[in-house]
Protein backbone atom coordinates (compact mmCIF):
# COMPACT_ATOMS: atom_id res chain seq x y z
CA MET A 1 89.06 107.81 113.42
CA MET A 2 88.40 110.85 111.12
CA LEU A 3 91.63 112.55 112.16
CA SER A 4 93.50 109.36 111.10
CA THR A 5 91.95 109.43 107.63
CA ILE A 6 92.70 113.14 107.06
CA SER A 7 96.27 112.63 108.24
CA VAL A 8 96.63 109.66 105.62
CA ASP A 9 95.01 111.67 102.87
CA THR A 10 97.39 114.58 103.68
CA SER A 11 100.39 112.31 103.67
CA LYS A 12 99.37 110.71 100.35
CA LYS A 13 98.99 114.22 98.83
CA GLU A 14 102.48 115.21 100.02
CA ILE A 15 103.94 111.96 98.62
CA ASN A 16 102.34 112.60 95.24
CA GLU A 17 103.59 116.19 95.19
CA LEU A 18 107.16 115.05 95.87
CA LYS A 19 106.89 112.37 93.19
CA CYS A 20 105.73 114.99 90.75
CA GLN A 21 108.71 117.25 91.65
CA GLU A 22 111.03 114.30 91.11
CA ARG A 23 109.71 113.65 87.63
CA LYS A 24 110.02 117.36 86.84
CA MET A 25 113.68 117.22 87.95
CA LEU A 26 114.22 114.12 86.01
CA LYS A 27 112.83 115.74 82.80
CA GLN A 28 115.08 118.77 83.37
CA THR A 29 118.11 116.57 83.77
CA GLU A 30 117.29 114.81 80.53
CA LEU A 31 116.75 117.99 78.75
CA ILE A 32 120.11 119.36 79.97
CA LYS A 33 121.83 116.18 79.05
CA SER A 34 120.41 116.14 75.58
CA ALA A 35 121.29 119.77 74.96
CA LEU A 36 124.86 119.14 76.01
CA ASN A 37 125.11 116.11 73.78
CA GLU A 38 123.80 118.23 70.86
CA LEU A 39 126.59 120.83 71.56
CA GLY A 40 129.10 118.02 71.61
CA CYS A 41 130.24 118.68 75.20
CA GLU A 42 132.54 115.90 76.48
CA GLU A 43 131.77 116.71 80.04
CA ALA A 44 129.05 118.80 81.74
CA PRO A 45 130.19 122.12 83.03
CA ALA A 46 131.16 122.22 86.71
CA ALA A 47 127.91 123.92 87.64
CA CYS A 48 125.85 121.06 86.06
CA ASP A 49 126.00 117.95 88.30
CA LEU A 50 124.43 115.44 86.00
CA SER A 51 125.61 112.44 88.05
CA ILE A 52 122.06 111.66 89.16
CA ASP A 53 121.26 108.01 88.74
CA ASN A 54 117.72 107.82 87.14
CA GLN A 55 116.94 104.76 89.22
CA THR A 56 117.09 106.93 92.41
CA PHE A 57 114.02 108.72 91.14
CA ILE A 58 110.72 106.92 91.23
CA SER A 59 112.12 103.41 91.60
CA ASN A 60 108.77 101.69 91.26
CA SER A 61 106.56 102.45 88.35
CA SER A 62 103.52 101.22 90.32
CA GLU A 63 104.22 104.01 92.75
CA GLN A 64 104.11 106.71 90.06
CA VAL A 65 101.21 109.04 89.96
CA ARG A 66 99.63 109.63 86.51
CA LEU A 67 99.31 113.40 86.56
CA CYS A 68 100.72 116.17 88.65
C-alpha cells in the first residue's frame, strides 16, 4: 500500500514538472513571436518553427499547476 502511494506521488510530481516545462516553452514561443512581430518579419526564419498550436499545451486549465 505504501509503495503505491509513493508511486502515485512520484507520478504526480513528474506530471507537474512536465506541465511546468510546457508553460516555459509556450512563454518562449510567445516571446519569439512578439519579437518577430516587432521586427516586422512576415515569416519566422526557417530555424524557428512557431507552428505550435497553443491548445496542444495545457489543454485544461484545471490541470495546471500554480507554480513551478
